All heavy atoms as atom14 arrays in JSON, in Angstrom:
{
  "sequence": "KNMVYLQMNNLKPEDTAAYYCNRHPAWTFWGQGTQVT",
  "atom14_mask": [
    [1, 1, 1, 1, 1, 1, 1, 1, 1, 0, 0, 0, 0, 0],
    [1, 1, 1, 1, 1, 1, 1, 1, 0, 0, 0, 0, 0, 0],
    [1, 1, 1, 1, 1, 1, 1, 1, 0, 0, 0, 0, 0, 0],
    [1, 1, 1, 1, 1, 1, 1, 0, 0, 0, 0, 0, 0, 0],
    [1, 1, 1, 1, 1, 1, 1, 1, 1, 1, 1, 1, 0, 0],
    [1, 1, 1, 1, 1, 1, 1, 1, 0, 0, 0, 0, 0, 0],
    [1, 1, 1, 1, 1, 1, 1, 1, 1, 0, 0, 0, 0, 0],
    [1, 1, 1, 1, 1, 1, 1, 1, 0, 0, 0, 0, 0, 0],
    [1, 1, 1, 1, 1, 1, 1, 1, 0, 0, 0, 0, 0, 0],
    [1, 1, 1, 1, 1, 1, 1, 1, 0, 0, 0, 0, 0, 0],
    [1, 1, 1, 1, 1, 1, 1, 1, 0, 0, 0, 0, 0, 0],
    [1, 1, 1, 1, 1, 1, 1, 1, 1, 0, 0, 0, 0, 0],
    [1, 1, 1, 1, 1, 1, 1, 0, 0, 0, 0, 0, 0, 0],
    [1, 1, 1, 1, 1, 1, 1, 1, 1, 0, 0, 0, 0, 0],
    [1, 1, 1, 1, 1, 1, 1, 1, 0, 0, 0, 0, 0, 0],
    [1, 1, 1, 1, 1, 1, 1, 0, 0, 0, 0, 0, 0, 0],
    [1, 1, 1, 1, 1, 0, 0, 0, 0, 0, 0, 0, 0, 0],
    [1, 1, 1, 1, 1, 0, 0, 0, 0, 0, 0, 0, 0, 0],
    [1, 1, 1, 1, 1, 1, 1, 1, 1, 1, 1, 1, 0, 0],
    [1, 1, 1, 1, 1, 1, 1, 1, 1, 1, 1, 1, 0, 0],
    [1, 1, 1, 1, 1, 1, 0, 0, 0, 0, 0, 0, 0, 0],
    [1, 1, 1, 1, 1, 1, 1, 1, 0, 0, 0, 0, 0, 0],
    [1, 1, 1, 1, 1, 1, 1, 1, 1, 1, 1, 0, 0, 0],
    [1, 1, 1, 1, 1, 1, 1, 1, 1, 1, 0, 0, 0, 0],
    [1, 1, 1, 1, 1, 1, 1, 0, 0, 0, 0, 0, 0, 0],
    [1, 1, 1, 1, 1, 0, 0, 0, 0, 0, 0, 0, 0, 0],
    [1, 1, 1, 1, 1, 1, 1, 1, 1, 1, 1, 1, 1, 1],
    [1, 1, 1, 1, 1, 1, 1, 0, 0, 0, 0, 0, 0, 0],
    [1, 1, 1, 1, 1, 1, 1, 1, 1, 1, 1, 0, 0, 0],
    [1, 1, 1, 1, 1, 1, 1, 1, 1, 1, 1, 1, 1, 1],
    [1, 1, 1, 1, 0, 0, 0, 0, 0, 0, 0, 0, 0, 0],
    [1, 1, 1, 1, 1, 1, 1, 1, 1, 0, 0, 0, 0, 0],
    [1, 1, 1, 1, 0, 0, 0, 0, 0, 0, 0, 0, 0, 0],
    [1, 1, 1, 1, 1, 1, 1, 0, 0, 0, 0, 0, 0, 0],
    [1, 1, 1, 1, 1, 1, 1, 1, 1, 0, 0, 0, 0, 0],
    [1, 1, 1, 1, 1, 1, 1, 0, 0, 0, 0, 0, 0, 0],
    [1, 1, 1, 1, 1, 1, 1, 0, 0, 0, 0, 0, 0, 0]
  ],
  "atom14_positions": [
    [[17.34, -6.23, -0.95], [16.48, -5.2, -0.39], [16.72, -4.85, 1.02], [16.05, -3.94, 1.62], [15.08, -5.74, -0.55], [14.59, -6.03, -1.92], [13.08, -6.45, -2.0], [12.6, -6.67, -3.39], [11.26, -7.21, -3.36], [0.0, 0.0, 0.0], [0.0, 0.0, 0.0], [0.0, 0.0, 0.0], [0.0, 0.0, 0.0], [0.0, 0.0, 0.0]],
    [[17.8, -5.39, 1.66], [18.1, -5.11, 3.05], [16.93, -5.3, 3.92], [16.59, -4.48, 4.83], [18.53, -3.62, 3.19], [19.99, -3.44, 2.65], [20.88, -4.29, 2.87], [20.23, -2.3, 2.02], [0.0, 0.0, 0.0], [0.0, 0.0, 0.0], [0.0, 0.0, 0.0], [0.0, 0.0, 0.0], [0.0, 0.0, 0.0], [0.0, 0.0, 0.0]],
    [[16.26, -6.59, 3.71], [15.06, -6.79, 4.5], [15.21, -8.12, 5.17], [15.71, -9.16, 4.61], [13.82, -6.8, 3.58], [13.49, -5.5, 3.01], [12.95, -4.24, 4.18], [11.4, -4.87, 4.72], [0.0, 0.0, 0.0], [0.0, 0.0, 0.0], [0.0, 0.0, 0.0], [0.0, 0.0, 0.0], [0.0, 0.0, 0.0], [0.0, 0.0, 0.0]],
    [[14.54, -8.23, 6.37], [14.45, -9.5, 7.12], [12.92, -9.71, 7.35], [12.26, -8.69, 7.69], [15.25, -9.53, 8.41], [15.17, -10.92, 9.03], [16.74, -9.14, 8.14], [0.0, 0.0, 0.0], [0.0, 0.0, 0.0], [0.0, 0.0, 0.0], [0.0, 0.0, 0.0], [0.0, 0.0, 0.0], [0.0, 0.0, 0.0], [0.0, 0.0, 0.0]],
    [[12.47, -10.87, 7.23], [11.03, -11.25, 7.43], [10.82, -12.2, 8.46], [11.63, -13.14, 8.74], [10.44, -11.59, 6.15], [10.63, -10.59, 4.99], [11.6, -10.85, 4.02], [9.81, -9.48, 4.89], [11.88, -9.91, 2.96], [9.98, -8.58, 3.84], [11.01, -8.89, 2.97], [11.27, -7.98, 1.9], [0.0, 0.0, 0.0], [0.0, 0.0, 0.0]],
    [[9.62, -12.19, 9.18], [9.09, -13.25, 9.9], [7.66, -13.57, 9.68], [6.86, -12.78, 9.93], [9.35, -12.94, 11.43], [9.14, -14.04, 12.46], [10.18, -15.08, 12.26], [8.92, -13.51, 13.81], [0.0, 0.0, 0.0], [0.0, 0.0, 0.0], [0.0, 0.0, 0.0], [0.0, 0.0, 0.0], [0.0, 0.0, 0.0], [0.0, 0.0, 0.0]],
    [[7.51, -14.7, 9.0], [6.19, -15.2, 8.69], [5.71, -16.0, 9.9], [6.35, -16.98, 10.33], [6.12, -16.08, 7.43], [4.87, -16.73, 7.22], [3.83, -15.63, 6.8], [4.09, -14.74, 6.06], [2.54, -15.83, 7.32], [0.0, 0.0, 0.0], [0.0, 0.0, 0.0], [0.0, 0.0, 0.0], [0.0, 0.0, 0.0], [0.0, 0.0, 0.0]],
    [[4.6, -15.63, 10.5], [4.09, -16.16, 11.69], [2.74, -16.83, 11.46], [1.79, -16.19, 11.03], [3.97, -15.19, 12.79], [5.26, -14.49, 13.1], [5.25, -13.38, 14.55], [3.96, -12.18, 14.07], [0.0, 0.0, 0.0], [0.0, 0.0, 0.0], [0.0, 0.0, 0.0], [0.0, 0.0, 0.0], [0.0, 0.0, 0.0], [0.0, 0.0, 0.0]],
    [[2.66, -18.14, 11.5], [1.39, -18.95, 11.26], [0.91, -19.51, 12.58], [1.68, -19.74, 13.48], [1.55, -19.93, 10.15], [2.0, -19.35, 8.88], [1.59, -18.19, 8.47], [2.75, -20.03, 8.1], [0.0, 0.0, 0.0], [0.0, 0.0, 0.0], [0.0, 0.0, 0.0], [0.0, 0.0, 0.0], [0.0, 0.0, 0.0], [0.0, 0.0, 0.0]],
    [[-0.38, -19.85, 12.55], [-0.92, -20.51, 13.72], [-0.58, -19.81, 15.08], [-0.14, -20.43, 15.97], [-0.6, -22.0, 13.72], [-1.33, -22.76, 14.77], [-2.36, -22.51, 15.19], [-0.67, -23.88, 15.14], [0.0, 0.0, 0.0], [0.0, 0.0, 0.0], [0.0, 0.0, 0.0], [0.0, 0.0, 0.0], [0.0, 0.0, 0.0], [0.0, 0.0, 0.0]],
    [[-0.87, -18.61, 15.01], [-0.48, -17.76, 16.25], [-1.26, -18.17, 17.37], [-2.48, -18.58, 17.37], [-0.62, -16.31, 15.86], [0.42, -15.66, 15.08], [-0.01, -14.39, 14.32], [1.76, -15.44, 15.77], [0.0, 0.0, 0.0], [0.0, 0.0, 0.0], [0.0, 0.0, 0.0], [0.0, 0.0, 0.0], [0.0, 0.0, 0.0], [0.0, 0.0, 0.0]],
    [[-0.51, -18.03, 18.55], [-1.14, -18.33, 19.85], [-1.21, -17.14, 20.75], [-0.38, -16.29, 20.64], [-0.37, -19.55, 20.49], [-0.31, -20.68, 19.57], [0.55, -21.75, 20.28], [0.7, -23.05, 19.44], [1.56, -24.05, 20.1], [0.0, 0.0, 0.0], [0.0, 0.0, 0.0], [0.0, 0.0, 0.0], [0.0, 0.0, 0.0], [0.0, 0.0, 0.0]],
    [[-2.0, -17.12, 21.73], [-2.04, -16.07, 22.7], [-0.65, -15.82, 23.32], [-0.27, -14.6, 23.58], [-3.07, -16.37, 23.71], [-4.05, -17.25, 22.95], [-3.22, -18.06, 21.95], [0.0, 0.0, 0.0], [0.0, 0.0, 0.0], [0.0, 0.0, 0.0], [0.0, 0.0, 0.0], [0.0, 0.0, 0.0], [0.0, 0.0, 0.0], [0.0, 0.0, 0.0]],
    [[0.08, -16.84, 23.56], [1.41, -16.67, 24.2], [2.41, -15.94, 23.19], [3.54, -15.8, 23.67], [1.88, -17.99, 24.76], [1.82, -19.18, 23.72], [0.56, -19.94, 23.89], [-0.52, -19.35, 24.08], [0.78, -21.3, 23.72], [0.0, 0.0, 0.0], [0.0, 0.0, 0.0], [0.0, 0.0, 0.0], [0.0, 0.0, 0.0], [0.0, 0.0, 0.0]],
    [[2.1, -15.87, 21.94], [3.02, -15.19, 21.07], [2.84, -13.72, 21.2], [3.59, -12.96, 20.6], [2.73, -15.61, 19.51], [2.96, -16.98, 19.26], [4.01, -17.56, 19.78], [2.11, -17.71, 18.59], [0.0, 0.0, 0.0], [0.0, 0.0, 0.0], [0.0, 0.0, 0.0], [0.0, 0.0, 0.0], [0.0, 0.0, 0.0], [0.0, 0.0, 0.0]],
    [[1.82, -13.19, 21.99], [1.74, -11.76, 22.24], [3.04, -11.17, 22.76], [3.45, -11.6, 23.82], [0.52, -11.54, 23.04], [-0.63, -11.92, 22.43], [0.33, -10.04, 23.47], [0.0, 0.0, 0.0], [0.0, 0.0, 0.0], [0.0, 0.0, 0.0], [0.0, 0.0, 0.0], [0.0, 0.0, 0.0], [0.0, 0.0, 0.0], [0.0, 0.0, 0.0]],
    [[3.49, -10.16, 22.04], [4.75, -9.52, 22.48], [5.02, -8.36, 21.59], [4.45, -8.26, 20.44], [5.91, -10.54, 22.56], [0.0, 0.0, 0.0], [0.0, 0.0, 0.0], [0.0, 0.0, 0.0], [0.0, 0.0, 0.0], [0.0, 0.0, 0.0], [0.0, 0.0, 0.0], [0.0, 0.0, 0.0], [0.0, 0.0, 0.0], [0.0, 0.0, 0.0]],
    [[6.07, -7.56, 21.92], [6.62, -6.68, 20.99], [7.74, -7.36, 20.24], [8.64, -8.04, 21.07], [7.21, -5.41, 21.72], [0.0, 0.0, 0.0], [0.0, 0.0, 0.0], [0.0, 0.0, 0.0], [0.0, 0.0, 0.0], [0.0, 0.0, 0.0], [0.0, 0.0, 0.0], [0.0, 0.0, 0.0], [0.0, 0.0, 0.0], [0.0, 0.0, 0.0]],
    [[7.85, -7.35, 18.98], [8.82, -8.09, 18.17], [9.9, -7.09, 17.63], [9.62, -5.99, 17.2], [8.16, -8.83, 17.17], [7.4, -10.08, 17.55], [6.2, -10.03, 18.26], [7.91, -11.37, 17.18], [5.66, -11.13, 18.77], [7.31, -12.52, 17.74], [6.21, -12.38, 18.39], [5.6, -13.54, 18.9], [0.0, 0.0, 0.0], [0.0, 0.0, 0.0]],
    [[11.08, -7.57, 17.69], [12.22, -6.7, 17.31], [13.19, -7.52, 16.34], [13.37, -8.75, 16.65], [13.02, -6.27, 18.45], [12.34, -5.52, 19.56], [11.62, -6.12, 20.6], [12.37, -4.1, 19.48], [10.95, -5.49, 21.55], [11.67, -3.42, 20.49], [11.03, -4.0, 21.45], [10.24, -3.32, 22.45], [0.0, 0.0, 0.0], [0.0, 0.0, 0.0]],
    [[13.71, -6.85, 15.48], [14.76, -7.5, 14.64], [16.17, -7.0, 15.07], [16.22, -5.77, 15.58], [14.67, -7.39, 13.13], [14.87, -5.68, 12.52], [0.0, 0.0, 0.0], [0.0, 0.0, 0.0], [0.0, 0.0, 0.0], [0.0, 0.0, 0.0], [0.0, 0.0, 0.0], [0.0, 0.0, 0.0], [0.0, 0.0, 0.0], [0.0, 0.0, 0.0]],
    [[17.19, -7.63, 15.02], [18.52, -7.17, 15.37], [19.46, -8.22, 14.96], [19.14, -9.3, 14.49], [18.72, -7.03, 16.89], [19.71, -6.05, 17.35], [20.78, -6.11, 16.86], [19.32, -5.15, 18.28], [0.0, 0.0, 0.0], [0.0, 0.0, 0.0], [0.0, 0.0, 0.0], [0.0, 0.0, 0.0], [0.0, 0.0, 0.0], [0.0, 0.0, 0.0]],
    [[20.8, -7.85, 14.9], [21.67, -8.81, 14.61], [21.73, -9.92, 15.63], [21.18, -9.81, 16.73], [23.1, -8.11, 14.69], [24.37, -8.92, 14.1], [25.58, -8.23, 14.31], [25.88, -8.08, 15.67], [27.04, -7.63, 16.24], [28.0, -7.17, 15.42], [27.23, -7.37, 17.58], [0.0, 0.0, 0.0], [0.0, 0.0, 0.0], [0.0, 0.0, 0.0]],
    [[22.25, -11.18, 15.25], [22.45, -12.13, 16.25], [23.9, -12.51, 16.34], [24.52, -13.05, 15.26], [21.73, -13.4, 16.03], [21.98, -14.53, 16.95], [21.76, -14.47, 18.32], [22.45, -15.86, 16.7], [22.1, -15.52, 18.87], [22.56, -16.4, 17.95], [0.0, 0.0, 0.0], [0.0, 0.0, 0.0], [0.0, 0.0, 0.0], [0.0, 0.0, 0.0]],
    [[24.64, -12.27, 17.42], [24.18, -11.68, 18.67], [23.83, -10.13, 18.51], [24.34, -9.57, 17.6], [25.3, -11.83, 19.56], [26.42, -11.99, 18.83], [26.04, -12.73, 17.61], [0.0, 0.0, 0.0], [0.0, 0.0, 0.0], [0.0, 0.0, 0.0], [0.0, 0.0, 0.0], [0.0, 0.0, 0.0], [0.0, 0.0, 0.0], [0.0, 0.0, 0.0]],
    [[22.98, -9.65, 19.31], [22.36, -8.39, 19.09], [23.33, -7.22, 19.4], [24.23, -7.34, 20.2], [21.1, -8.2, 20.1], [0.0, 0.0, 0.0], [0.0, 0.0, 0.0], [0.0, 0.0, 0.0], [0.0, 0.0, 0.0], [0.0, 0.0, 0.0], [0.0, 0.0, 0.0], [0.0, 0.0, 0.0], [0.0, 0.0, 0.0], [0.0, 0.0, 0.0]],
    [[23.2, -6.18, 18.53], [23.75, -4.94, 18.79], [23.21, -4.32, 20.25], [22.27, -4.92, 20.7], [23.53, -3.91, 17.77], [24.28, -4.12, 16.52], [25.59, -4.2, 16.29], [23.63, -4.33, 15.2], [25.87, -4.43, 14.97], [24.64, -4.57, 14.24], [22.31, -4.41, 14.79], [24.48, -4.77, 12.91], [22.1, -4.64, 13.38], [23.17, -4.75, 12.53]],
    [[23.88, -3.38, 20.76], [23.37, -2.71, 21.96], [22.19, -1.81, 21.84], [21.51, -1.36, 22.71], [24.48, -1.93, 22.61], [24.94, -0.97, 21.71], [25.73, -2.9, 23.09], [0.0, 0.0, 0.0], [0.0, 0.0, 0.0], [0.0, 0.0, 0.0], [0.0, 0.0, 0.0], [0.0, 0.0, 0.0], [0.0, 0.0, 0.0], [0.0, 0.0, 0.0]],
    [[21.91, -1.47, 20.5], [20.69, -0.62, 20.23], [19.61, -1.35, 19.54], [19.91, -2.47, 18.98], [21.19, 0.55, 19.29], [21.87, 0.03, 17.99], [21.03, -0.23, 16.88], [23.29, -0.03, 17.92], [21.75, -0.58, 15.72], [23.86, -0.5, 16.78], [23.12, -0.66, 15.64], [0.0, 0.0, 0.0], [0.0, 0.0, 0.0], [0.0, 0.0, 0.0]],
    [[18.45, -0.9, 19.73], [17.3, -1.59, 19.14], [16.41, -0.62, 18.4], [16.35, 0.61, 18.65], [16.5, -2.23, 20.35], [17.25, -3.27, 21.03], [18.17, -3.11, 22.07], [17.14, -4.67, 20.77], [18.67, -4.3, 22.49], [18.09, -5.37, 21.66], [16.41, -5.5, 19.96], [18.23, -6.66, 21.74], [16.61, -6.86, 19.92], [17.44, -7.48, 20.86]],
    [[15.57, -1.18, 17.54], [14.51, -0.35, 16.97], [13.32, -0.24, 17.82], [13.37, -0.52, 19.04], [0.0, 0.0, 0.0], [0.0, 0.0, 0.0], [0.0, 0.0, 0.0], [0.0, 0.0, 0.0], [0.0, 0.0, 0.0], [0.0, 0.0, 0.0], [0.0, 0.0, 0.0], [0.0, 0.0, 0.0], [0.0, 0.0, 0.0], [0.0, 0.0, 0.0]],
    [[12.33, 0.38, 17.27], [11.13, 0.62, 18.02], [10.24, -0.61, 18.22], [9.34, -0.59, 19.08], [10.2, 1.79, 17.43], [9.27, 1.24, 16.29], [9.98, 0.95, 14.96], [11.14, 1.22, 14.78], [9.22, 0.36, 14.01], [0.0, 0.0, 0.0], [0.0, 0.0, 0.0], [0.0, 0.0, 0.0], [0.0, 0.0, 0.0], [0.0, 0.0, 0.0]],
    [[10.4, -1.71, 17.42], [9.63, -2.84, 17.53], [8.31, -2.7, 16.9], [7.84, -1.68, 16.54], [0.0, 0.0, 0.0], [0.0, 0.0, 0.0], [0.0, 0.0, 0.0], [0.0, 0.0, 0.0], [0.0, 0.0, 0.0], [0.0, 0.0, 0.0], [0.0, 0.0, 0.0], [0.0, 0.0, 0.0], [0.0, 0.0, 0.0], [0.0, 0.0, 0.0]],
    [[7.67, -3.91, 16.77], [6.24, -3.83, 16.29], [5.41, -4.75, 17.2], [5.89, -5.96, 17.53], [6.19, -4.29, 14.85], [4.85, -4.19, 14.32], [6.7, -5.71, 14.66], [0.0, 0.0, 0.0], [0.0, 0.0, 0.0], [0.0, 0.0, 0.0], [0.0, 0.0, 0.0], [0.0, 0.0, 0.0], [0.0, 0.0, 0.0], [0.0, 0.0, 0.0]],
    [[4.21, -4.34, 17.6], [3.46, -5.13, 18.59], [2.67, -6.15, 17.82], [1.86, -5.88, 16.84], [2.54, -4.12, 19.35], [1.71, -4.74, 20.41], [2.44, -5.52, 21.53], [3.42, -4.95, 21.98], [1.94, -6.61, 21.98], [0.0, 0.0, 0.0], [0.0, 0.0, 0.0], [0.0, 0.0, 0.0], [0.0, 0.0, 0.0], [0.0, 0.0, 0.0]],
    [[2.67, -7.41, 18.43], [1.77, -8.41, 17.93], [0.87, -8.78, 19.16], [1.4, -9.22, 20.2], [2.67, -9.61, 17.43], [1.79, -10.88, 17.17], [3.48, -9.16, 16.23], [0.0, 0.0, 0.0], [0.0, 0.0, 0.0], [0.0, 0.0, 0.0], [0.0, 0.0, 0.0], [0.0, 0.0, 0.0], [0.0, 0.0, 0.0], [0.0, 0.0, 0.0]],
    [[-0.37, -8.76, 18.88], [-1.33, -9.15, 19.92], [-2.22, -10.3, 19.37], [-2.81, -10.06, 18.32], [-2.2, -7.99, 20.35], [-1.36, -6.96, 20.87], [-3.16, -8.49, 21.53], [0.0, 0.0, 0.0], [0.0, 0.0, 0.0], [0.0, 0.0, 0.0], [0.0, 0.0, 0.0], [0.0, 0.0, 0.0], [0.0, 0.0, 0.0], [0.0, 0.0, 0.0]]
  ]
}
C-alpha cells in the first residue's frame, strides 16, 4: 500500500511535536508533517 505507520500509545506532553516521515537517512525534502499535541 506504500504506507508507513506510527502507533503511539501512552502519549506524554513531551511527545507534542510536528511528526514527519522520511527515508532513513532522510532525503533533503520533507512533507508537510502532521501535528500531535
